[in-house]
Amino acid sequence: MSFIAEYSLSNHPIMRTARRRVPEVTIEVEDEQSDRHDGSHLIFRASGATEALERFFEALADDRSVDEFERLSTVSERCLFRVRLTPEGERGMTYTDAFELGITFLDIGLQAESVRYRAHFPSREALAAYRERCDERELAFSLRRLYRSEDDAAERYDLTPRQADVLRRALERGYFDVPRKVSAEELAEEFEISSQALSALLRRGQRTILRDAFDDEE
């Protein structure tokens, strides 16, 4: 059975100097690229106040994990960067290990002292093997949360992955509680969609589950 793991890696070298120097900047990885001829690259989004982003940009020049970098775009208080990593930075690149083990990274966020991940693991064996790979790279693995993959629910009830994702998040955040702990508007903002689109996903997902439940009783 596959599952989702939320974990952090400390002693992580990628942009460690910049992260510690400007901890108020939020860093989210958009893409990891590994090429044996051109080195390893990261594309990431940095968010924060304009002054903090400028200090972060300057700190990248002093970061031992960064070989070269460029700012791809800036929108309001969000910047998109592309960096090429040094051999020291590549120690923190677990993308190739994950690919070999059938692991899919869903979210990667860099913080001052650690890097947080949310990833899809095909099995517990893959998780154990990945932890061993991290140990070999001197990356301290800390598991924060482990739960069944949304894909299992999607397959069981014939939900689309998007419907399963929205329904699970709504359940976890208390949307179905009485009284509600989160509004449709707040959930929609998390998914960066309109509240009408979110309501439609919830209704269709609930209808699919209910039809499956009543069909089983017949």
Protein backbone atom coordinates (compact mmCIF):
# COMPACT_ATOMS: atom_id res chain seq x y z
CA MET A 1 0.00 0.00 0.00
CA SER A 2 1.34 3.43 -0.93
CA PHE A 3 1.30 6.37 1.43
CA ILE A 4 2.26 10.00 1.96
CA ALA A 5 5.14 10.90 4.26
CA GLU A 6 5.85 14.33 5.69
CA TYR A 7 9.40 14.61 6.93
CA SER A 8 12.32 16.96 7.35
CA LEU A 9 16.04 16.72 6.57
CA SER A 10 18.42 18.68 8.76
CA ASN A 11 22.14 19.27 8.21
CA HIS A 12 20.95 20.13 4.71
CA PRO A 13 23.56 22.07 2.69
CA ILE A 14 21.43 23.60 -0.06
CA MET A 15 21.32 27.39 0.42
CA ARG A 16 21.99 26.95 4.14
CA THR A 17 23.87 30.26 4.46
CA ALA A 18 21.12 32.21 2.69
CA ARG A 19 18.38 30.47 4.66
CA ARG A 20 20.00 31.24 7.99
CA ARG A 21 20.88 34.79 7.08
CA VAL A 22 17.36 35.68 5.92
CA PRO A 23 15.00 33.26 7.75
CA GLU A 24 11.93 35.40 7.09
CA VAL A 25 11.96 34.47 3.39
CA THR A 26 9.81 31.45 2.49
CA ILE A 27 11.39 29.11 -0.08
CA GLU A 28 9.40 26.57 -2.09
CA VAL A 29 11.08 24.31 -4.63
CA GLU A 30 9.34 24.22 -8.01
CA ASP A 31 11.64 21.79 -9.82
CA GLU A 32 14.85 19.79 -9.38
CA GLN A 33 17.03 19.00 -12.38
CA SER A 34 20.02 16.69 -12.33
CA ASP A 35 22.34 16.47 -15.34
CA ARG A 36 25.75 14.79 -15.16
CA HIS A 37 27.06 17.12 -17.88
CA ASP A 38 25.56 20.40 -16.68
CA GLY A 39 25.34 19.76 -12.94
CA SER A 40 22.31 19.92 -10.65
CA HIS A 41 19.87 22.82 -10.73
CA LEU A 42 17.02 24.00 -8.55
CA ILE A 43 14.15 26.24 -9.58
CA PHE A 44 12.47 27.71 -6.53
CA ARG A 45 10.14 30.47 -5.46
CA ALA A 46 11.16 32.84 -2.66
CA SER A 47 8.46 34.89 -0.93
CA GLY A 48 8.83 37.75 1.51
CA ALA A 49 9.09 41.49 1.89
CA THR A 50 10.97 43.30 -0.87
CA GLU A 51 13.85 44.26 1.44
CA ALA A 52 14.19 40.67 2.70
CA LEU A 53 14.20 39.30 -0.84
CA GLU A 54 17.02 41.68 -1.78
CA ARG A 55 19.07 40.53 1.20
CA PHE A 56 18.38 36.92 0.26
CA PHE A 57 19.52 37.61 -3.31
CA GLU A 58 22.78 39.04 -1.97
CA ALA A 59 23.23 36.11 0.44
CA LEU A 60 23.11 33.61 -2.42
CA ALA A 61 26.42 35.03 -3.67
CA ASP A 62 28.08 33.97 -0.38
CA ASP A 63 26.46 30.53 -0.22
CA ARG A 64 28.93 27.65 -0.63
CA SER A 65 26.24 25.38 -2.07
CA VAL A 66 25.48 27.72 -4.97
CA ASP A 67 27.73 27.83 -8.05
CA GLU A 68 25.70 30.39 -10.01
CA PHE A 69 22.16 31.74 -9.91
CA GLU A 70 19.73 33.95 -11.74
CA ARG A 71 16.45 35.64 -10.95
CA LEU A 72 13.89 34.48 -13.53
CA SER A 73 10.95 36.68 -12.57
CA THR A 74 9.57 38.92 -9.83
CA VAL A 75 5.87 39.40 -9.10
CA SER A 76 4.93 41.55 -6.09
CA GLU A 77 6.78 39.95 -3.14
CA ARG A 78 7.61 36.67 -4.89
CA CYS A 79 10.71 35.87 -6.93
CA LEU A 80 11.48 32.86 -9.08
CA PHE A 81 15.13 31.77 -8.99
CA ARG A 82 17.26 29.19 -10.75
CA VAL A 83 20.50 28.05 -9.13
CA ARG A 84 23.23 25.63 -10.14
CA LEU A 85 24.64 23.71 -7.20
CA THR A 86 28.23 23.09 -6.21
CA PRO A 87 29.34 19.56 -5.21
CA GLU A 88 28.58 20.54 -1.60
CA GLY A 89 25.05 21.54 -2.58
CA GLU A 90 24.55 18.34 -4.55
CA ARG A 91 24.93 16.37 -1.31
CA GLY A 92 21.42 17.57 -0.46
CA MET A 93 19.93 16.52 -3.80
CA THR A 94 17.95 13.34 -3.10
CA TYR A 95 15.95 13.57 -6.34
CA THR A 96 17.88 10.79 -8.09
CA ASP A 97 17.55 8.50 -5.05
CA ALA A 98 13.82 9.18 -4.92
CA PHE A 99 13.42 8.51 -8.64
CA GLU A 100 15.19 5.16 -8.39
CA LEU A 101 12.94 4.12 -5.48
CA GLY A 102 9.68 5.22 -7.14
CA ILE A 103 9.20 8.16 -4.78
CA THR A 104 7.47 11.34 -5.95
CA PHE A 105 8.14 14.66 -4.23
CA LEU A 106 4.93 16.65 -3.76
CA ASP A 107 6.14 19.68 -1.79
CA ILE A 108 9.59 20.89 -0.72
CA GLY A 109 10.01 23.87 1.57
CA LEU A 110 13.36 25.21 2.78
CA GLN A 111 13.54 26.68 6.28
CA ALA A 112 16.35 28.20 8.29
CA GLU A 113 17.56 24.94 9.88
CA SER A 114 15.94 22.17 7.84
CA VAL A 115 14.18 21.26 4.62
CA ARG A 116 10.62 19.95 4.82
CA TYR A 117 9.19 17.44 2.34
CA ARG A 118 5.85 15.90 1.50
CA ALA A 119 6.32 12.87 -0.73
CA HIS A 120 4.47 9.86 -2.12
CA PHE A 121 6.12 6.52 -1.23
CA PRO A 122 5.12 3.28 -2.98
CA SER A 123 5.93 1.12 0.08
CA ARG A 124 7.49 1.07 3.54
CA GLU A 125 10.50 -0.65 2.01
CA ALA A 126 11.03 2.38 -0.22
CA LEU A 127 10.84 4.64 2.83
CA ALA A 128 13.45 2.56 4.68
CA ALA A 129 15.75 2.55 1.65
CA TYR A 130 15.36 6.31 1.22
CA ARG A 131 16.27 6.91 4.86
CA GLU A 132 19.42 4.87 4.36
CA ARG A 133 20.32 6.98 1.33
CA CYS A 134 19.84 10.13 3.42
CA ASP A 135 22.10 8.72 6.15
CA GLU A 136 24.78 8.07 3.54
CA ARG A 137 24.55 11.74 2.52
CA GLU A 138 24.77 12.80 6.20
CA LEU A 139 21.24 14.19 6.07
CA ALA A 140 19.35 13.72 9.34
CA PHE A 141 15.89 12.27 8.54
CA SER A 142 12.98 13.09 10.87
CA LEU A 143 9.52 11.67 10.08
CA ARG A 144 6.72 14.02 11.10
CA ARG A 145 3.62 12.36 9.68
CA LEU A 146 2.67 9.24 7.73
CA TYR A 147 -0.75 8.52 6.21
CA ARG A 148 -2.40 6.53 3.47
CA SER A 149 -1.97 7.85 -0.03
CA GLU A 150 -4.78 9.86 -1.55
CA ASP A 151 -4.34 7.67 -4.64
CA ASP A 152 -5.73 4.70 -2.65
CA ALA A 153 -8.93 6.60 -1.93
CA ALA A 154 -9.14 7.80 -5.50
CA GLU A 155 -8.82 4.26 -6.83
CA ARG A 156 -11.29 2.80 -4.34
CA TYR A 157 -14.05 5.33 -4.97
CA ASP A 158 -13.24 6.20 -8.60
CA LEU A 159 -12.40 9.79 -7.64
CA THR A 160 -10.16 12.01 -9.71
CA PRO A 161 -6.84 12.80 -7.94
CA ARG A 162 -7.99 16.43 -7.63
CA GLN A 163 -11.29 15.44 -6.00
CA ALA A 164 -9.49 13.15 -3.56
CA ASP A 165 -6.99 15.88 -2.70
CA VAL A 166 -9.69 18.48 -2.04
CA LEU A 167 -11.89 16.12 -0.01
CA ARG A 168 -8.99 14.97 2.16
CA ARG A 169 -7.83 18.52 2.83
CA ALA A 170 -11.40 19.60 3.65
CA LEU A 171 -11.72 16.73 6.12
CA GLU A 172 -8.35 17.40 7.75
CA ARG A 173 -9.01 21.14 8.07
CA GLY A 174 -12.45 20.69 9.66
CA TYR A 175 -14.69 21.75 6.78
CA PHE A 176 -17.17 18.96 7.61
CA ASP A 177 -17.11 19.62 11.37
CA VAL A 178 -20.06 21.22 13.19
CA PRO A 179 -19.42 24.09 13.45
CA ARG A 180 -17.02 24.37 10.53
CA LYS A 181 -13.41 25.16 11.37
CA VAL A 182 -12.54 26.40 7.89
CA SER A 183 -14.58 28.07 5.16
CA ALA A 184 -14.85 27.17 1.49
CA GLU A 185 -13.15 30.47 0.67
CA GLU A 186 -10.14 29.61 2.87
CA LEU A 187 -9.81 26.15 1.32
CA ALA A 188 -10.12 27.61 -2.17
CA GLU A 189 -7.29 30.02 -1.40
CA GLU A 190 -5.06 27.10 -0.34
CA PHE A 191 -5.67 25.42 -3.70
CA GLU A 192 -5.45 28.73 -5.58
CA ILE A 193 -8.88 28.23 -7.18
CA SER A 194 -12.21 30.04 -6.89
CA SER A 195 -14.66 29.08 -4.14
CA GLN A 196 -17.13 28.04 -6.87
CA ALA A 197 -14.58 25.63 -8.36
CA LEU A 198 -13.81 24.21 -4.93
CA SER A 199 -17.51 23.70 -4.15
CA ALA A 200 -17.96 21.89 -7.46
CA LEU A 201 -15.04 19.55 -6.69
CA LEU A 202 -16.45 18.81 -3.23
CA ARG A 203 -19.98 18.12 -4.56
CA ARG A 204 -18.78 15.84 -7.35
CA GLY A 205 -16.47 13.96 -5.03
CA GLN A 206 -19.16 13.49 -2.39
CA ARG A 207 -21.66 12.35 -5.04
CA THR A 208 -19.18 9.75 -6.33
CA ILE A 209 -18.55 8.38 -2.82
CA LEU A 210 -22.27 8.28 -1.96
CA ARG A 211 -23.14 6.47 -5.18
CA ASP A 212 -20.45 3.91 -4.42
CA ALA A 213 -21.75 3.45 -0.86
CA PHE A 214 -25.39 2.97 -1.89
CA ASP A 215 -24.47 0.68 -4.76
CA ASP A 216 -22.71 -1.59 -2.28
CA GLU A 217 -25.93 -1.88 -0.23
CA GLU A 218 -28.07 -2.97 -3.16
